[in-house]
Amino acid sequence: MSSEKIILGIDPGTTIMGFGLIRVVNKKMELMQLNELSLQKYSDHYVKLKLIFERTIHLIETYHPDEIAIEAPFFGKNVQSMLKLGRAQGVAMAAGLSREVPITEYSPKKIKMAITGNGNASKEQVAKMLQNLFKIKELPKNLDATDGLAAAVCHFYNSGKVTSEKNYTGWEAFVKQNGERVKK
């Protein structure tokens, strides 16, 4: 009897949202989809968030992932960028939670470490490792798509391991783990 699982990996962003889907059959990965949602032509931030939500719902309804792995925002100096990135991540998570798909967040360092063995690897190094792993003929121009794929692969590598990363199985679990973020 074979065990099969589909993992959707998302690299949230308000300029480009990268995503990758992998199918795991008997502990072997195969690439299903590697793509991005380009949002550069939209100036309205709320329209971008709506499009991120809709694309994530579309991916869930099309591919029926069993789990979602999402890159957590990194802490930068620009507060406005952090806020926008957090919103993008939030609407992607809300889309998954609305369809009751379990979500796990991974820090950028953890993802890079899982793929390359170096938590400080560049986007290019991560992309090259994935290209090698999945025999991808040509890498996308923007590496946001490979970052999304990297989140999915990181999740596969960490399956079954006890991890300190945040894991949500639905709204109830999210609220329970983030009580300080919920207004009563």
N, C-alpha and C. Protein backbone atom coordinates (compact mmCIF):
# COMPACT_ATOMS: atom_id res chain seq x y z
N MET A 1 0.84 -1.18 0.00
CA MET A 1 0.00 0.00 0.00
C MET A 1 0.89 1.25 0.00
N SER A 2 0.70 2.13 -0.96
CA SER A 2 1.54 3.32 -1.03
C SER A 2 0.91 4.47 -0.26
N SER A 3 1.78 5.27 0.35
CA SER A 3 1.29 6.46 1.03
C SER A 3 1.62 7.66 0.15
N GLU A 4 0.64 8.51 -0.04
CA GLU A 4 0.83 9.68 -0.90
C GLU A 4 0.42 10.93 -0.15
N LYS A 5 1.21 11.98 -0.35
CA LYS A 5 0.92 13.26 0.28
C LYS A 5 1.31 14.37 -0.68
N ILE A 6 0.52 15.43 -0.71
CA ILE A 6 0.84 16.60 -1.53
C ILE A 6 1.11 17.76 -0.59
N ILE A 7 2.23 18.44 -0.83
CA ILE A 7 2.62 19.59 0.00
C ILE A 7 2.72 20.82 -0.88
N LEU A 8 2.04 21.88 -0.46
CA LEU A 8 2.11 23.19 -1.12
C LEU A 8 3.06 24.06 -0.32
N GLY A 9 4.09 24.55 -0.96
CA GLY A 9 5.03 25.48 -0.31
C GLY A 9 4.80 26.88 -0.85
N ILE A 10 4.79 27.85 0.05
CA ILE A 10 4.52 29.24 -0.35
C ILE A 10 5.59 30.17 0.20
N ASP A 11 6.09 31.03 -0.68
CA ASP A 11 6.95 32.14 -0.29
C ASP A 11 6.11 33.39 -0.49
N PRO A 12 5.51 33.90 0.61
CA PRO A 12 4.58 35.03 0.46
C PRO A 12 5.31 36.33 0.11
N GLY A 13 4.65 37.14 -0.65
CA GLY A 13 5.19 38.45 -0.99
C GLY A 13 4.12 39.28 -1.68
N THR A 14 4.24 40.60 -1.58
CA THR A 14 3.24 41.46 -2.21
C THR A 14 3.70 41.95 -3.59
N THR A 15 4.91 41.59 -3.98
CA THR A 15 5.37 41.86 -5.34
C THR A 15 5.28 40.57 -6.14
N ILE A 16 5.80 39.49 -5.54
CA ILE A 16 5.74 38.16 -6.15
C ILE A 16 5.49 37.14 -5.04
N MET A 17 4.48 36.30 -5.24
CA MET A 17 4.27 35.18 -4.33
C MET A 17 4.75 33.94 -5.07
N GLY A 18 5.78 33.30 -4.54
CA GLY A 18 6.28 32.09 -5.16
C GLY A 18 5.63 30.87 -4.53
N PHE A 19 5.44 29.82 -5.33
CA PHE A 19 4.87 28.60 -4.78
C PHE A 19 5.36 27.38 -5.54
N GLY A 20 5.39 26.28 -4.82
CA GLY A 20 5.77 25.01 -5.41
C GLY A 20 4.95 23.91 -4.79
N LEU A 21 4.61 22.93 -5.59
CA LEU A 21 3.86 21.77 -5.11
C LEU A 21 4.66 20.51 -5.36
N ILE A 22 4.74 19.67 -4.34
CA ILE A 22 5.39 18.38 -4.51
C ILE A 22 4.42 17.28 -4.10
N ARG A 23 4.57 16.14 -4.77
CA ARG A 23 3.83 14.93 -4.40
C ARG A 23 4.87 14.00 -3.80
N VAL A 24 4.52 13.45 -2.65
CA VAL A 24 5.40 12.49 -1.99
C VAL A 24 4.71 11.14 -2.04
N VAL A 25 5.36 10.19 -2.72
CA VAL A 25 4.83 8.83 -2.82
C VAL A 25 5.91 7.90 -2.27
N ASN A 26 5.54 7.14 -1.25
CA ASN A 26 6.50 6.22 -0.61
C ASN A 26 7.82 6.91 -0.28
N LYS A 27 7.72 8.08 0.31
CA LYS A 27 8.90 8.86 0.76
C LYS A 27 9.78 9.37 -0.36
N LYS A 28 9.25 9.39 -1.60
CA LYS A 28 9.98 9.96 -2.74
C LYS A 28 9.21 11.18 -3.24
N MET A 29 9.96 12.27 -3.47
CA MET A 29 9.34 13.52 -3.92
C MET A 29 9.31 13.60 -5.44
N GLU A 30 8.22 14.18 -5.95
CA GLU A 30 8.18 14.53 -7.37
C GLU A 30 7.59 15.93 -7.49
N LEU A 31 8.14 16.71 -8.39
CA LEU A 31 7.69 18.08 -8.61
C LEU A 31 6.38 18.08 -9.39
N MET A 32 5.39 18.79 -8.87
CA MET A 32 4.11 18.92 -9.56
C MET A 32 3.98 20.28 -10.24
N GLN A 33 4.41 21.33 -9.54
CA GLN A 33 4.18 22.69 -10.02
C GLN A 33 5.23 23.61 -9.40
N LEU A 34 5.74 24.52 -10.19
CA LEU A 34 6.69 25.54 -9.75
C LEU A 34 6.28 26.81 -10.46
N ASN A 35 5.83 27.81 -9.70
CA ASN A 35 5.30 28.99 -10.37
C ASN A 35 5.29 30.17 -9.41
N GLU A 36 4.79 31.28 -9.91
CA GLU A 36 4.68 32.48 -9.10
C GLU A 36 3.46 33.28 -9.50
N LEU A 37 3.02 34.08 -8.56
CA LEU A 37 1.94 35.03 -8.81
C LEU A 37 2.59 36.40 -8.83
N SER A 38 2.61 37.03 -10.00
CA SER A 38 3.24 38.33 -10.15
C SER A 38 2.22 39.43 -9.85
N LEU A 39 2.59 40.31 -8.92
CA LEU A 39 1.66 41.35 -8.47
C LEU A 39 2.20 42.75 -8.74
N GLN A 40 3.28 42.87 -9.50
CA GLN A 40 3.93 44.16 -9.73
C GLN A 40 3.01 45.19 -10.38
N LYS A 41 2.12 44.72 -11.25
CA LYS A 41 1.31 45.68 -12.01
C LYS A 41 0.17 46.29 -11.19
N TYR A 42 -0.03 45.79 -9.97
CA TYR A 42 -1.11 46.30 -9.12
C TYR A 42 -0.54 47.27 -8.10
N SER A 43 -1.14 48.45 -8.00
CA SER A 43 -0.64 49.43 -7.03
C SER A 43 -1.41 49.36 -5.72
N ASP A 44 -2.63 48.89 -5.75
CA ASP A 44 -3.46 48.81 -4.55
C ASP A 44 -3.09 47.57 -3.72
N HIS A 45 -2.60 47.82 -2.50
CA HIS A 45 -2.15 46.73 -1.63
C HIS A 45 -3.28 45.75 -1.32
N TYR A 46 -4.50 46.26 -1.17
CA TYR A 46 -5.64 45.39 -0.83
C TYR A 46 -6.01 44.47 -2.00
N VAL A 47 -5.85 44.95 -3.20
CA VAL A 47 -6.08 44.12 -4.39
C VAL A 47 -5.05 42.99 -4.41
N LYS A 48 -3.80 43.31 -4.09
CA LYS A 48 -2.75 42.30 -4.04
C LYS A 48 -3.10 41.21 -3.03
N LEU A 49 -3.57 41.62 -1.85
CA LEU A 49 -3.93 40.65 -0.81
C LEU A 49 -5.08 39.76 -1.27
N LYS A 50 -6.05 40.36 -1.95
CA LYS A 50 -7.18 39.59 -2.48
C LYS A 50 -6.70 38.56 -3.49
N LEU A 51 -5.78 38.96 -4.36
CA LEU A 51 -5.25 38.05 -5.38
C LEU A 51 -4.43 36.91 -4.76
N ILE A 52 -3.68 37.21 -3.71
CA ILE A 52 -2.92 36.16 -3.00
C ILE A 52 -3.89 35.15 -2.40
N PHE A 53 -4.95 35.65 -1.77
CA PHE A 53 -5.96 34.77 -1.17
C PHE A 53 -6.60 33.89 -2.25
N GLU A 54 -7.02 34.52 -3.34
CA GLU A 54 -7.70 33.79 -4.42
C GLU A 54 -6.79 32.74 -5.07
N ARG A 55 -5.52 33.09 -5.31
CA ARG A 55 -4.61 32.13 -5.93
C ARG A 55 -4.37 30.95 -4.99
N THR A 56 -4.23 31.23 -3.71
CA THR A 56 -4.00 30.15 -2.74
C THR A 56 -5.21 29.22 -2.69
N ILE A 57 -6.41 29.79 -2.68
CA ILE A 57 -7.64 28.98 -2.71
C ILE A 57 -7.67 28.14 -3.99
N HIS A 58 -7.34 28.76 -5.12
CA HIS A 58 -7.33 28.05 -6.41
C HIS A 58 -6.36 26.86 -6.37
N LEU A 59 -5.17 27.08 -5.82
CA LEU A 59 -4.18 26.00 -5.72
C LEU A 59 -4.70 24.87 -4.84
N ILE A 60 -5.35 25.23 -3.74
CA ILE A 60 -5.90 24.23 -2.82
C ILE A 60 -7.01 23.43 -3.51
N GLU A 61 -7.90 24.13 -4.19
CA GLU A 61 -9.02 23.44 -4.85
C GLU A 61 -8.58 22.63 -6.07
N THR A 62 -7.48 23.02 -6.70
CA THR A 62 -6.99 22.31 -7.87
C THR A 62 -6.15 21.08 -7.50
N TYR A 63 -5.25 21.25 -6.54
CA TYR A 63 -4.28 20.19 -6.23
C TYR A 63 -4.57 19.43 -4.94
N HIS A 64 -5.47 19.94 -4.12
CA HIS A 64 -5.86 19.29 -2.85
C HIS A 64 -4.65 18.92 -1.99
N PRO A 65 -3.82 19.92 -1.63
CA PRO A 65 -2.66 19.60 -0.80
C PRO A 65 -3.10 19.09 0.58
N ASP A 66 -2.31 18.17 1.11
CA ASP A 66 -2.57 17.65 2.45
C ASP A 66 -2.02 18.59 3.51
N GLU A 67 -0.98 19.34 3.14
CA GLU A 67 -0.33 20.25 4.07
C GLU A 67 0.22 21.45 3.30
N ILE A 68 0.37 22.56 4.04
CA ILE A 68 0.98 23.77 3.48
C ILE A 68 2.19 24.13 4.33
N ALA A 69 3.29 24.44 3.66
CA ALA A 69 4.49 24.94 4.33
C ALA A 69 4.68 26.37 3.84
N ILE A 70 4.87 27.28 4.76
CA ILE A 70 4.98 28.69 4.38
C ILE A 70 6.20 29.31 5.03
N GLU A 71 6.88 30.14 4.26
CA GLU A 71 8.06 30.82 4.80
C GLU A 71 7.59 31.95 5.71
N ALA A 72 8.11 31.97 6.92
CA ALA A 72 7.77 33.02 7.89
C ALA A 72 8.52 34.30 7.51
N PRO A 73 7.92 35.45 7.77
CA PRO A 73 8.63 36.70 7.45
C PRO A 73 9.93 36.80 8.26
N PHE A 74 10.97 37.30 7.61
CA PHE A 74 12.22 37.53 8.32
C PHE A 74 12.16 38.95 8.88
N PHE A 75 12.94 39.21 9.90
CA PHE A 75 12.90 40.52 10.53
C PHE A 75 13.90 41.45 9.86
N GLY A 76 13.36 42.47 9.20
CA GLY A 76 14.19 43.44 8.50
C GLY A 76 14.10 44.78 9.19
N LYS A 77 14.76 45.74 8.60
CA LYS A 77 14.78 47.08 9.19
C LYS A 77 13.57 47.91 8.78
N ASN A 78 12.98 47.62 7.62
CA ASN A 78 11.88 48.42 7.10
C ASN A 78 10.56 47.91 7.66
N VAL A 79 9.97 48.65 8.56
CA VAL A 79 8.74 48.24 9.23
C VAL A 79 7.58 48.12 8.24
N GLN A 80 7.48 49.02 7.29
CA GLN A 80 6.40 48.97 6.30
C GLN A 80 6.48 47.70 5.46
N SER A 81 7.69 47.33 5.05
CA SER A 81 7.86 46.09 4.28
C SER A 81 7.46 44.89 5.11
N MET A 82 7.85 44.88 6.37
CA MET A 82 7.50 43.77 7.27
C MET A 82 5.98 43.65 7.41
N LEU A 83 5.32 44.79 7.55
CA LEU A 83 3.87 44.78 7.71
C LEU A 83 3.20 44.21 6.45
N LYS A 84 3.64 44.64 5.28
CA LYS A 84 3.07 44.14 4.03
C LYS A 84 3.34 42.65 3.85
N LEU A 85 4.55 42.22 4.18
CA LEU A 85 4.90 40.81 4.07
C LEU A 85 4.07 39.96 5.04
N GLY A 86 3.88 40.47 6.25
CA GLY A 86 3.06 39.77 7.24
C GLY A 86 1.61 39.64 6.79
N ARG A 87 1.12 40.67 6.15
CA ARG A 87 -0.25 40.61 5.62
C ARG A 87 -0.36 39.57 4.51
N ALA A 88 0.64 39.55 3.62
CA ALA A 88 0.64 38.57 2.53
C ALA A 88 0.66 37.15 3.09
N GLN A 89 1.50 36.94 4.08
CA GLN A 89 1.56 35.62 4.71
C GLN A 89 0.22 35.30 5.37
N GLY A 90 -0.35 36.28 6.04
CA GLY A 90 -1.62 36.09 6.74
C GLY A 90 -2.76 35.68 5.83
N VAL A 91 -2.88 36.33 4.67
CA VAL A 91 -3.99 35.96 3.78
C VAL A 91 -3.76 34.59 3.15
N ALA A 92 -2.50 34.23 2.88
CA ALA A 92 -2.22 32.88 2.36
C ALA A 92 -2.57 31.84 3.43
N MET A 93 -2.22 32.15 4.68
CA MET A 93 -2.56 31.24 5.78
C MET A 93 -4.07 31.15 5.97
N ALA A 94 -4.74 32.28 5.88
CA ALA A 94 -6.20 32.30 6.04
C ALA A 94 -6.87 31.44 4.97
N ALA A 95 -6.34 31.50 3.75
CA ALA A 95 -6.89 30.68 2.67
C ALA A 95 -6.76 29.20 3.02
N GLY A 96 -5.59 28.80 3.48
CA GLY A 96 -5.37 27.40 3.87
C GLY A 96 -6.24 27.00 5.05
N LEU A 97 -6.31 27.86 6.04
CA LEU A 97 -7.11 27.56 7.23
C LEU A 97 -8.60 27.48 6.89
N SER A 98 -9.03 28.31 5.93
CA SER A 98 -10.46 28.29 5.55
C SER A 98 -10.84 26.96 4.88
N ARG A 99 -9.84 26.26 4.34
CA ARG A 99 -10.07 24.96 3.72
C ARG A 99 -9.55 23.81 4.59
N GLU A 100 -9.22 24.17 5.85
CA GLU A 100 -8.77 23.21 6.86
C GLU A 100 -7.55 22.39 6.43
N VAL A 101 -6.62 23.07 5.76
CA VAL A 101 -5.36 22.44 5.38
C VAL A 101 -4.34 22.83 6.45
N PRO A 102 -3.70 21.85 7.11
CA PRO A 102 -2.71 22.17 8.14
C PRO A 102 -1.55 22.98 7.57
N ILE A 103 -1.11 23.98 8.35
CA ILE A 103 -0.05 24.89 7.91
C ILE A 103 1.11 24.84 8.89
N THR A 104 2.32 24.82 8.35
CA THR A 104 3.52 24.91 9.18
C THR A 104 4.38 26.04 8.64
N GLU A 105 4.85 26.90 9.55
CA GLU A 105 5.74 28.00 9.18
C GLU A 105 7.18 27.57 9.40
N TYR A 106 8.04 28.00 8.50
CA TYR A 106 9.47 27.75 8.64
C TYR A 106 10.22 29.06 8.44
N SER A 107 11.23 29.28 9.25
CA SER A 107 12.05 30.48 9.09
C SER A 107 12.89 30.33 7.82
N PRO A 108 13.27 31.44 7.20
CA PRO A 108 14.11 31.37 6.01
C PRO A 108 15.41 30.58 6.27
N LYS A 109 16.01 30.77 7.44
CA LYS A 109 17.25 30.04 7.78
C LYS A 109 17.02 28.54 7.84
N LYS A 110 15.89 28.12 8.42
CA LYS A 110 15.60 26.69 8.53
C LYS A 110 15.40 26.08 7.14
N ILE A 111 14.71 26.82 6.26
CA ILE A 111 14.48 26.33 4.90
C ILE A 111 15.81 26.19 4.16
N LYS A 112 16.65 27.23 4.24
CA LYS A 112 17.95 27.19 3.56
C LYS A 112 18.81 26.05 4.10
N MET A 113 18.75 25.84 5.43
CA MET A 113 19.52 24.77 6.05
C MET A 113 19.05 23.40 5.55
N ALA A 114 17.73 23.24 5.43
CA ALA A 114 17.17 21.96 4.98
C ALA A 114 17.57 21.65 3.54
N ILE A 115 17.64 22.66 2.70
CA ILE A 115 17.92 22.45 1.28
C ILE A 115 19.42 22.35 0.99
N THR A 116 20.20 23.27 1.58
CA THR A 116 21.62 23.35 1.23
C THR A 116 22.57 22.90 2.33
N GLY A 117 22.07 22.79 3.56
CA GLY A 117 22.95 22.50 4.69
C GLY A 117 23.59 23.75 5.26
N ASN A 118 23.21 24.91 4.72
CA ASN A 118 23.77 26.19 5.16
C ASN A 118 22.62 27.17 5.35
N GLY A 119 22.37 27.58 6.58
CA GLY A 119 21.28 28.52 6.88
C GLY A 119 21.47 29.90 6.31
N ASN A 120 22.68 30.20 5.84
CA ASN A 120 22.97 31.51 5.25
C ASN A 120 23.14 31.44 3.74
N ALA A 121 22.68 30.35 3.13
CA ALA A 121 22.82 30.18 1.68
C ALA A 121 22.06 31.27 0.94
N SER A 122 22.49 31.55 -0.27
CA SER A 122 21.81 32.55 -1.11
C SER A 122 20.60 31.91 -1.80
N LYS A 123 19.72 32.76 -2.32
CA LYS A 123 18.57 32.27 -3.09
C LYS A 123 19.05 31.43 -4.28
N GLU A 124 20.14 31.86 -4.88
CA GLU A 124 20.69 31.16 -6.04
C GLU A 124 21.18 29.75 -5.66
N GLN A 125 21.81 29.63 -4.50
CA GLN A 125 22.29 28.32 -4.05
C GLN A 125 21.11 27.38 -3.78
N VAL A 126 20.06 27.91 -3.16
CA VAL A 126 18.86 27.11 -2.88
C VAL A 126 18.25 26.66 -4.21
N ALA A 127 18.13 27.59 -5.15
CA ALA A 127 17.54 27.28 -6.46
C ALA A 127 18.34 26.20 -7.19
N LYS A 128 19.66 26.29 -7.16
CA LYS A 128 20.52 25.30 -7.84
C LYS A 128 20.36 23.92 -7.21
N MET A 129 20.27 23.85 -5.89
CA MET A 129 20.08 22.56 -5.22
C MET A 129 18.75 21.94 -5.65
N LEU A 130 17.71 22.75 -5.70
CA LEU A 130 16.39 22.26 -6.11
C LEU A 130 16.39 21.85 -7.58
N GLN A 131 17.09 22.62 -8.40
CA GLN A 131 17.20 22.29 -9.82
C GLN A 131 17.83 20.91 -9.98
N ASN A 132 18.85 20.66 -9.21
CA ASN A 132 19.54 19.37 -9.22
C ASN A 132 18.64 18.25 -8.71
N LEU A 133 17.97 18.51 -7.61
CA LEU A 133 17.12 17.51 -6.96
C LEU A 133 15.97 17.06 -7.86
N PHE A 134 15.33 18.03 -8.53
CA PHE A 134 14.15 17.73 -9.33
C PHE A 134 14.42 17.69 -10.83
N LYS A 135 15.68 17.83 -11.23
CA LYS A 135 16.06 17.81 -12.65
C LYS A 135 15.28 18.88 -13.43
N ILE A 136 15.22 20.08 -12.87
CA ILE A 136 14.52 21.20 -13.51
C ILE A 136 15.42 21.72 -14.62
N LYS A 137 14.89 21.73 -15.86
CA LYS A 137 15.70 22.14 -17.01
C LYS A 137 16.14 23.60 -16.91
N GLU A 138 15.17 24.48 -16.66
CA GLU A 138 15.48 25.90 -16.61
C GLU A 138 14.83 26.53 -15.38
N LEU A 139 15.62 27.26 -14.62
CA LEU A 139 15.10 27.93 -13.43
C LEU A 139 14.30 29.16 -13.84
N PRO A 140 13.28 29.51 -13.06
CA PRO A 140 12.53 30.73 -13.36
C PRO A 140 13.42 31.97 -13.19
N LYS A 141 13.05 33.03 -13.87
CA LYS A 141 13.83 34.28 -13.80
C LYS A 141 13.87 34.81 -12.37
N ASN A 142 12.69 34.84 -11.74
CA ASN A 142 12.61 35.24 -10.33
C ASN A 142 12.71 33.98 -9.49
N LEU A 143 13.43 34.05 -8.40
CA LEU A 143 13.63 32.86 -7.60
C LEU A 143 12.61 32.71 -6.47
N ASP A 144 11.55 33.50 -6.52
CA ASP A 144 10.49 33.37 -5.51
C ASP A 144 9.79 32.02 -5.65
N ALA A 145 9.66 31.54 -6.87
CA ALA A 145 9.03 30.23 -7.10
C ALA A 145 9.85 29.12 -6.46
N THR A 146 11.18 29.18 -6.61
CA THR A 146 12.02 28.15 -6.00
C THR A 146 12.02 28.29 -4.48
N ASP A 147 11.83 29.50 -3.97
CA ASP A 147 11.72 29.68 -2.52
C ASP A 147 10.45 29.01 -1.99
N GLY A 148 9.37 29.10 -2.74
CA GLY A 148 8.13 28.41 -2.36
C GLY A 148 8.32 26.90 -2.39
N LEU A 149 8.97 26.42 -3.44
CA LEU A 149 9.27 24.99 -3.55
C LEU A 149 10.17 24.54 -2.40
N ALA A 150 11.13 25.39 -2.04
CA ALA A 150 12.05 25.07 -0.94
C ALA A 150 11.28 24.88 0.38
N ALA A 151 10.24 25.68 0.60
CA ALA A 151 9.43 25.54 1.82
C ALA A 151 8.75 24.17 1.85
N ALA A 152 8.24 23.72 0.70
CA ALA A 152 7.58 22.41 0.62
C ALA A 152 8.59 21.29 0.88
N VAL A 153 9.77 21.39 0.28
CA VAL A 153 10.80 20.37 0.46
C VAL A 153 11.30 20.34 1.91
N CYS A 154 11.48 21.51 2.49
CA CYS A 154 11.87 21.62 3.90
C CYS A 154 10.84 20.90 4.78
N HIS A 155 9.57 21.12 4.47
CA HIS A 155 8.50 20.47 5.25
C HIS A 155 8.57 18.95 5.11
N PHE A 156 8.82 18.48 3.91
CA PHE A 156 8.96 17.04 3.70
C PHE A 156 10.13 16.50 4.52
N TYR A 157 11.27 17.18 4.47
CA TYR A 157 12.45 16.73 5.21
C TYR A 157 12.21 16.73 6.72
N ASN A 158 11.34 17.62 7.18
CA ASN A 158 11.07 17.73 8.62
C ASN A 158 9.85 16.94 9.06
N SER A 159 9.21 16.23 8.15
CA SER A 159 8.02 15.43 8.50
C SER A 159 8.38 14.40 9.55
N GLY A 160 7.55 14.35 10.57
CA GLY A 160 7.74 13.35 11.62
C GLY A 160 8.77 13.75 12.66
N LYS A 161 9.47 14.85 12.43
CA LYS A 161 10.45 15.31 13.42
C LYS A 161 9.77 16.28 14.37
N VAL A 162 10.18 16.25 15.61
CA VAL A 162 9.68 17.23 16.56
C VAL A 162 10.33 18.55 16.20
N THR A 163 9.53 19.57 16.04
CA THR A 163 10.05 20.86 15.61
C THR A 163 9.46 21.98 16.44
N SER A 164 10.21 23.05 16.55
CA SER A 164 9.72 24.20 17.31
C SER A 164 9.00 25.19 16.41
N GLU A 165 8.92 24.87 15.13
CA GLU A 165 8.21 25.75 14.20
C GLU A 165 6.72 25.72 14.52
N LYS A 166 6.00 26.76 14.12
CA LYS A 166 4.57 26.84 14.42
C LYS A 166 3.78 26.00 13.43
N ASN A 167 2.79 25.29 13.96
CA ASN A 167 1.99 24.38 13.16
C ASN A 167 0.53 24.63 13.49
N TYR A 168 -0.30 24.89 12.49
CA TYR A 168 -1.71 25.16 12.71
C TYR A 168 -2.56 24.17 11.94
N THR A 169 -3.56 23.60 12.60
CA THR A 169 -4.44 22.66 11.92
C THR A 169 -5.79 23.28 11.62
N GLY A 170 -6.02 24.47 12.10
CA GLY A 170 -7.28 25.17 11.86
C GLY A 170 -7.29 26.45 12.68
N TRP A 171 -8.37 27.19 12.58
CA TRP A 171 -8.49 28.46 13.30
C TRP A 171 -8.35 28.26 14.81
N GLU A 172 -8.95 27.19 15.32
CA GLU A 172 -8.91 26.94 16.76
C GLU A 172 -7.47 26.77 17.24
N ALA A 173 -6.68 26.02 16.50
CA ALA A 173 -5.27 25.81 16.85
C ALA A 173 -4.49 27.13 16.75
N PHE A 174 -4.78 27.92 15.72
CA PHE A 174 -4.11 29.20 15.55
C PHE A 174 -4.39 30.11 16.74
N VAL A 175 -5.66 30.22 17.13
CA VAL A 175 -6.06 31.08 18.25
C VAL A 175 -5.41 30.59 19.54
N LYS A 176 -5.40 29.29 19.74
CA LYS A 176 -4.82 28.69 20.95
C LYS A 176 -3.33 29.03 21.07
N GLN A 177 -2.61 28.96 19.93
CA GLN A 177 -1.16 29.22 19.95
C GLN A 177 -0.80 30.70 19.87
N ASN A 178 -1.78 31.54 19.56
CA ASN A 178 -1.52 32.97 19.38
C ASN A 178 -2.51 33.82 20.17
N GLY A 179 -2.81 33.41 21.39
CA GLY A 179 -3.79 34.12 22.22
C GLY A 179 -3.52 35.59 22.37
N GLU A 180 -2.24 35.96 22.44
CA GLU A 180 -1.87 37.37 22.61
C GLU A 180 -2.19 38.21 21.37
N ARG A 181 -2.41 37.57 20.23
CA ARG A 181 -2.70 38.28 18.99
C ARG A 181 -4.19 38.41 18.71
N VAL A 182 -5.00 37.80 19.57
CA VAL A 182 -6.45 37.76 19.35
C VAL A 182 -7.12 38.76 20.29
N LYS A 183 -7.92 39.65 19.72
CA LYS A 183 -8.67 40.62 20.52
C LYS A 183 -9.95 39.97 21.02
N LYS A 184 -10.25 40.18 22.27
CA LYS A 184 -11.45 39.57 22.87
C LYS A 184 -12.52 40.61 23.12
